[in-house]
Amino acid sequence: MSAFALCLVLLAGLIHASWNIAAKKAGGDARFAVFCGLVSLLVWAPVGIWLGIDEVPRWGLAQWAMLGLSACVHSLYFVVLLRGYRKADLTVVYPLARGLGPLLSSLVAVLLLGERLSLWGALGLLGVVLGVFLIAGGPGLFRAPRDPASAARLRAGLVYGGLTGACIACYTVADGYSVKVLLISPIMFDYASNVVRMGLMGPTVLRNLPEAAVLWKRQWRYALIVGVLSPVSYVLVLYAVQTAPLSHVAPAREVSMLFAALLGGHLLGEGQRGSRLLGAGCIAVGVVALALG
C-alpha cells in the first residue's frame, strides 16, 4: 500500500469513528438514517450535480446494477447498525462489525477478484482482527454476564455486530469493484447511492410526519455531523481502493477502532479496559504491516 493510500485510510478512520460516536449518542432508528442522508444530499449537492452532469450519461447497465446493489446493502447496513446501537454498547457492536467486515471482504477479494495477499498483508490482517476482538472484550465476550440485562445487551451486540459486519463486507466488495473495475468516480458513486437510499428509506419518515418532526428536533445536530462526515470518510476509502488492493485497504480501515477505543470510552462512558488499549496497539501494528505489504 502506498503512503498516499495509507494517509487516506488513516484520515478516513478518524472521521469514521467520530461519526459513529455521534450516531450512537443520537440513539435513532431508520428515520435517523434518513435525516443523515437528506443532510448529505443537500450539503454535497453542488459536487454531485457538477460530477453527475458529465459522468452519469455514460453509465451502462453494469454501473446502474452495482449502484442499486450498493444502495440496498448500505440501507440495510444503516438500519442494522442503528438498531444495534440502541440495543447494545458501541464498544461491542462497532468493533465486531469492523473486524468481521474486512475479514470477509479481504477473503472475497483474494478468492473472487484475483488479488494476492503477501505475508506482511496476511499478518497485518490478523493483527487488525485480533485487535478488534480485544477491544470488543476479548475472551470475556464468550462469558455470559451474571446480570441478565447485561447478558441480553451482550447477545444483542454480538448479533447486530455480526450482521453489520456482513453488510460491510458486501458493500466493500461491491463498491470496490465499481470504482476499481467499472471506473466510476468515488464521489459520484457515493452521492448517487445516497439518492437511491433515500428512495428506499424515505417512506419510514413519511409514514408519520409529526413524529418524525419531533425526532428531527431532537436529533438534527447528530444528523448534521453524520450527514457531513460519513460521505467524506467513505469516499476517502474508495479513492484508496483505486490505488491499492482492496484486501489491504479493507482491514486497514479498522484503524478507526484505535480512535474509537480512545474516544468512545471517554465520550460515551463505556470505560476503557487494558484489553481495549492492547487491541488498539494490535490494530496499529496491523495497519503498518498492511502498508509494508
Protein backbone atom coordinates (compact mmCIF):
# COMPACT_ATOMS: atom_id res chain seq x y z
CA MET A 1 0.00 0.00 0.00
CA SER A 2 1.38 3.42 -0.94
CA ALA A 3 1.94 6.18 1.63
CA PHE A 4 -0.80 8.23 -0.06
CA ALA A 5 -3.36 5.41 0.23
CA LEU A 6 -2.36 4.83 3.86
CA CYS A 7 -2.87 8.52 4.69
CA LEU A 8 -6.32 8.40 3.09
CA VAL A 9 -7.23 5.35 5.17
CA LEU A 10 -5.94 6.88 8.43
CA LEU A 11 -7.90 10.08 7.91
CA ALA A 12 -10.98 8.09 6.94
CA GLY A 13 -10.62 6.03 10.13
CA LEU A 14 -10.60 9.10 12.38
CA ILE A 15 -13.64 10.57 10.62
CA HIS A 16 -15.47 7.22 10.69
CA ALA A 17 -15.01 6.75 14.43
CA SER A 18 -16.21 10.31 15.04
CA TRP A 19 -19.49 9.98 13.14
CA ASN A 20 -20.23 6.57 14.66
CA ILE A 21 -19.93 8.07 18.14
CA ALA A 22 -22.38 10.79 17.09
CA ALA A 23 -24.76 8.14 15.72
CA LYS A 24 -24.57 6.21 19.00
CA LYS A 25 -25.34 9.35 21.03
CA ALA A 26 -28.33 10.11 18.77
CA GLY A 27 -29.96 6.76 19.62
CA GLY A 28 -32.01 6.93 16.43
CA ASP A 29 -33.68 4.35 14.20
CA ALA A 30 -34.09 4.11 10.42
CA ARG A 31 -35.55 7.62 10.39
CA PHE A 32 -32.28 8.97 11.74
CA ALA A 33 -30.53 7.34 8.78
CA VAL A 34 -32.93 9.23 6.50
CA PHE A 35 -32.17 12.51 8.29
CA CYS A 36 -28.46 11.90 7.77
CA GLY A 37 -28.99 11.01 4.12
CA LEU A 38 -31.00 14.16 3.48
CA VAL A 39 -28.28 16.28 5.07
CA SER A 40 -25.71 14.59 2.80
CA LEU A 41 -27.85 15.20 -0.28
CA LEU A 42 -28.18 18.91 0.48
CA VAL A 43 -24.61 19.57 1.62
CA TRP A 44 -22.93 17.68 -1.21
CA ALA A 45 -25.47 18.56 -3.93
CA PRO A 46 -23.18 21.04 -5.77
CA VAL A 47 -20.44 18.41 -6.08
CA GLY A 48 -22.86 15.64 -7.01
CA ILE A 49 -24.57 17.70 -9.71
CA TRP A 50 -21.28 19.00 -11.11
CA LEU A 51 -19.84 15.49 -11.49
CA GLY A 52 -23.13 13.84 -12.46
CA ILE A 53 -23.79 16.05 -15.50
CA ASP A 54 -20.68 14.70 -17.18
CA GLU A 55 -20.48 11.14 -15.82
CA VAL A 56 -23.99 9.71 -15.32
CA PRO A 57 -24.96 9.79 -19.05
CA ARG A 58 -22.04 7.42 -19.73
CA TRP A 59 -23.22 4.77 -17.28
CA GLY A 60 -24.40 1.45 -18.65
CA LEU A 61 -26.33 -1.47 -17.20
CA ALA A 62 -23.38 -2.69 -15.12
CA GLN A 63 -22.90 0.69 -13.43
CA TRP A 64 -26.59 1.06 -12.60
CA ALA A 65 -26.81 -2.52 -11.35
CA MET A 66 -23.88 -2.03 -8.97
CA LEU A 67 -25.36 1.27 -7.82
CA GLY A 68 -28.66 -0.42 -6.98
CA LEU A 69 -26.90 -3.24 -5.15
CA SER A 70 -24.78 -0.78 -3.17
CA ALA A 71 -27.79 1.32 -2.18
CA CYS A 72 -29.73 -1.73 -0.95
CA VAL A 73 -26.85 -3.07 1.12
CA HIS A 74 -25.97 0.36 2.56
CA SER A 75 -29.63 0.87 3.56
CA LEU A 76 -29.65 -2.47 5.37
CA TYR A 77 -26.31 -1.58 6.97
CA PHE A 78 -27.61 1.65 8.48
CA VAL A 79 -30.81 0.03 9.77
CA VAL A 80 -28.95 -2.86 11.43
CA LEU A 81 -26.16 -0.63 12.80
CA LEU A 82 -28.53 1.90 14.39
CA ARG A 83 -30.69 -0.85 15.86
CA GLY A 84 -27.57 -2.43 17.34
CA TYR A 85 -26.56 0.90 18.88
CA ARG A 86 -29.99 1.17 20.54
CA LYS A 87 -29.87 -2.35 21.96
CA ALA A 88 -26.17 -2.80 22.83
CA ASP A 89 -22.92 -0.97 23.58
CA LEU A 90 -20.95 0.72 20.81
CA THR A 91 -17.79 -0.93 22.15
CA VAL A 92 -19.28 -4.34 21.30
CA VAL A 93 -21.24 -3.66 18.10
CA TYR A 94 -18.71 -1.38 16.42
CA PRO A 95 -15.53 -3.47 16.82
CA LEU A 96 -17.22 -6.76 15.92
CA ALA A 97 -18.70 -5.21 12.80
CA ARG A 98 -15.44 -3.56 11.83
CA GLY A 99 -13.50 -6.79 12.43
CA LEU A 100 -15.79 -9.17 10.57
CA GLY A 101 -16.32 -6.81 7.61
CA PRO A 102 -12.68 -6.55 6.45
CA LEU A 103 -12.01 -10.22 7.14
CA LEU A 104 -14.82 -11.30 4.81
CA SER A 105 -14.16 -8.64 2.16
CA SER A 106 -10.44 -9.47 2.06
CA LEU A 107 -11.21 -13.16 1.58
CA VAL A 108 -13.61 -12.31 -1.26
CA ALA A 109 -11.03 -10.01 -2.86
CA VAL A 110 -8.46 -12.82 -2.83
CA LEU A 111 -10.80 -15.64 -3.87
CA LEU A 112 -13.01 -13.86 -6.43
CA LEU A 113 -11.19 -10.70 -7.56
CA GLY A 114 -7.81 -12.35 -8.03
CA GLU A 115 -5.89 -10.20 -5.53
CA ARG A 116 -2.86 -11.61 -3.73
CA LEU A 117 -2.17 -11.21 -0.03
CA SER A 118 1.52 -11.09 0.86
CA LEU A 119 2.93 -12.44 4.11
CA TRP A 120 3.01 -8.93 5.56
CA GLY A 121 -0.53 -8.37 4.37
CA ALA A 122 -1.75 -11.60 5.95
CA LEU A 123 -0.02 -10.77 9.25
CA GLY A 124 -1.47 -7.27 9.13
CA LEU A 125 -4.98 -8.63 8.56
CA LEU A 126 -4.61 -11.00 11.51
CA GLY A 127 -3.31 -8.14 13.68
CA VAL A 128 -6.31 -5.98 12.84
CA VAL A 129 -8.81 -8.77 13.52
CA LEU A 130 -7.08 -9.67 16.82
CA GLY A 131 -7.06 -6.02 17.86
CA VAL A 132 -10.74 -5.62 17.14
CA PHE A 133 -11.50 -8.78 19.10
CA LEU A 134 -9.55 -7.49 22.12
CA ILE A 135 -11.25 -4.10 22.01
CA ALA A 136 -14.63 -5.80 21.92
CA GLY A 137 -13.79 -7.55 25.20
CA GLY A 138 -11.52 -10.43 24.25
CA PRO A 139 -12.32 -13.85 25.75
CA GLY A 140 -14.77 -12.12 28.08
CA LEU A 141 -17.18 -11.81 25.15
CA PHE A 142 -17.91 -15.51 25.46
CA ARG A 143 -18.52 -15.46 29.21
CA ALA A 144 -22.13 -14.75 29.99
CA PRO A 145 -22.51 -11.86 32.47
CA ARG A 146 -24.29 -12.60 35.73
CA ASP A 147 -26.67 -9.69 35.23
CA PRO A 148 -29.50 -10.78 32.85
CA ALA A 149 -29.80 -7.28 31.38
CA SER A 150 -26.07 -7.17 30.62
CA ALA A 151 -26.24 -10.64 29.10
CA ALA A 152 -29.09 -9.56 26.85
CA ARG A 153 -27.17 -6.46 25.72
CA LEU A 154 -24.12 -8.60 25.01
CA ARG A 155 -26.09 -11.10 22.94
CA ALA A 156 -27.71 -8.26 21.02
CA GLY A 157 -24.29 -6.72 20.41
CA LEU A 158 -22.91 -9.97 19.03
CA VAL A 159 -25.90 -10.49 16.72
CA TYR A 160 -26.09 -6.94 15.39
CA GLY A 161 -22.32 -6.60 15.20
CA GLY A 162 -22.15 -9.77 13.10
CA LEU A 163 -24.97 -8.68 10.78
CA THR A 164 -23.41 -5.25 10.35
CA GLY A 165 -20.06 -6.84 9.55
CA ALA A 166 -21.66 -8.97 6.84
CA CYS A 167 -23.21 -5.83 5.30
CA ILE A 168 -19.84 -4.07 5.43
CA ALA A 169 -18.20 -6.96 3.58
CA CYS A 170 -20.90 -6.92 0.87
CA TYR A 171 -20.80 -3.23 0.14
CA THR A 172 -17.00 -3.04 0.41
CA VAL A 173 -16.57 -5.62 -2.36
CA ALA A 174 -19.40 -4.20 -4.50
CA ASP A 175 -18.24 -0.60 -4.19
CA GLY A 176 -14.60 -1.53 -4.63
CA TYR A 177 -15.46 -3.32 -7.86
CA SER A 178 -17.46 -0.31 -9.01
CA VAL A 179 -14.66 2.24 -8.60
CA LYS A 180 -11.75 -0.06 -9.43
CA VAL A 181 -13.10 -2.09 -12.37
CA LEU A 182 -16.04 -0.05 -13.68
CA LEU A 183 -14.07 3.17 -13.05
CA ILE A 184 -16.95 5.10 -11.51
CA SER A 185 -15.97 8.30 -9.69
CA PRO A 186 -15.96 7.52 -5.94
CA ILE A 187 -17.63 10.81 -5.08
CA MET A 188 -20.32 10.40 -7.73
CA PHE A 189 -20.92 6.77 -6.82
CA ASP A 190 -21.42 7.53 -3.14
CA TYR A 191 -23.69 10.50 -3.86
CA ALA A 192 -25.83 8.62 -6.37
CA SER A 193 -26.06 5.67 -4.00
CA ASN A 194 -27.33 8.03 -1.31
CA VAL A 195 -30.03 9.32 -3.69
CA VAL A 196 -31.28 5.77 -4.23
CA ARG A 197 -31.09 5.04 -0.50
CA MET A 198 -33.38 7.97 0.21
CA GLY A 199 -35.92 6.49 -2.19
CA LEU A 200 -35.72 3.17 -0.36
CA MET A 201 -35.77 4.52 3.21
CA GLY A 202 -37.79 7.71 2.81
CA PRO A 203 -41.17 6.02 3.47
CA THR A 204 -40.11 5.37 7.09
CA VAL A 205 -40.31 9.13 7.66
CA LEU A 206 -43.40 9.77 5.53
CA ARG A 207 -45.50 7.24 7.46
CA ASN A 208 -45.68 9.54 10.49
CA LEU A 209 -44.52 13.08 9.73
CA PRO A 210 -45.47 14.64 13.12
CA GLU A 211 -43.42 12.04 14.99
CA ALA A 212 -40.56 12.44 12.51
CA ALA A 213 -40.62 16.20 13.12
CA VAL A 214 -40.23 15.63 16.87
CA LEU A 215 -37.31 13.26 16.25
CA TRP A 216 -35.68 15.76 13.89
CA LYS A 217 -35.75 18.49 16.56
CA ARG A 218 -34.08 16.08 18.97
CA GLN A 219 -31.50 14.59 16.59
CA TRP A 220 -30.67 17.24 13.96
CA ARG A 221 -27.29 18.10 15.46
CA TYR A 222 -26.15 14.48 15.29
CA ALA A 223 -27.68 14.09 11.82
CA LEU A 224 -25.65 17.09 10.67
CA ILE A 225 -22.42 15.53 11.94
CA VAL A 226 -23.12 12.13 10.39
CA GLY A 227 -24.53 13.54 7.16
CA VAL A 228 -21.47 15.69 6.52
CA LEU A 229 -18.73 13.35 7.76
CA SER A 230 -19.97 9.92 6.67
CA PRO A 231 -19.60 10.54 2.90
CA VAL A 232 -16.16 12.06 3.42
CA SER A 233 -14.80 9.04 5.28
CA TYR A 234 -16.17 6.56 2.75
CA VAL A 235 -15.11 8.50 -0.35
CA LEU A 236 -11.57 8.63 1.03
CA VAL A 237 -11.64 4.84 1.33
CA LEU A 238 -12.93 4.44 -2.24
CA TYR A 239 -10.11 6.62 -3.54
CA ALA A 240 -7.64 4.47 -1.60
CA VAL A 241 -9.15 1.36 -3.22
CA GLN A 242 -8.42 2.82 -6.65
CA THR A 243 -4.68 2.89 -5.89
CA ALA A 244 -4.22 -0.06 -3.50
CA PRO A 245 -5.50 -3.65 -3.22
CA LEU A 246 -8.92 -4.00 -1.63
CA SER A 247 -7.56 -6.83 0.52
CA HIS A 248 -5.17 -4.27 2.10
CA VAL A 249 -7.45 -1.25 2.30
CA ALA A 250 -10.43 -3.07 3.86
CA PRO A 251 -8.63 -4.23 7.03
CA ALA A 252 -6.51 -1.06 7.24
CA ARG A 253 -9.76 0.90 7.59
CA GLU A 254 -10.12 -0.65 11.02
CA VAL A 255 -7.60 1.81 12.38
CA SER A 256 -10.86 3.61 13.19
CA MET A 257 -11.11 1.20 16.12
CA LEU A 258 -7.98 2.76 17.60
CA PHE A 259 -9.73 6.13 17.60
CA ALA A 260 -12.99 4.61 18.83
CA ALA A 261 -11.19 2.92 21.71
CA LEU A 262 -9.62 6.20 22.79
CA LEU A 263 -12.66 8.43 22.18
CA GLY A 264 -15.60 6.11 22.81
CA GLY A 265 -14.87 5.30 26.42
CA HIS A 266 -14.41 8.96 27.31
CA LEU A 267 -17.39 10.36 25.38
CA LEU A 268 -19.84 7.52 25.98
CA GLY A 269 -18.77 6.45 29.47
CA GLU A 270 -18.38 2.81 28.46
CA GLY A 271 -14.98 2.55 30.13
CA GLN A 272 -11.52 1.63 28.89
CA ARG A 273 -10.00 -1.65 29.91
CA GLY A 274 -6.46 -2.82 29.33
CA SER A 275 -7.59 -5.22 26.61
CA ARG A 276 -9.00 -2.30 24.58
CA LEU A 277 -5.71 -0.42 24.65
CA LEU A 278 -3.83 -3.62 23.77
CA GLY A 279 -6.27 -4.17 20.92
CA ALA A 280 -5.68 -0.64 19.66
CA GLY A 281 -1.96 -1.40 19.61
CA CYS A 282 -2.56 -4.59 17.60
CA ILE A 283 -4.56 -2.61 15.08
CA ALA A 284 -1.81 -0.02 14.74
CA VAL A 285 0.81 -2.73 14.15
CA GLY A 286 -1.52 -4.49 11.71
CA VAL A 287 -2.01 -1.32 9.68
CA VAL A 288 1.76 -0.81 9.48
CA ALA A 289 2.16 -4.41 8.26
CA LEU A 290 -0.51 -3.84 5.62
CA ALA A 291 1.29 -0.71 4.47
CA LEU A 292 4.53 -2.69 4.12
CA GLY A 293 2.64 -5.36 2.16
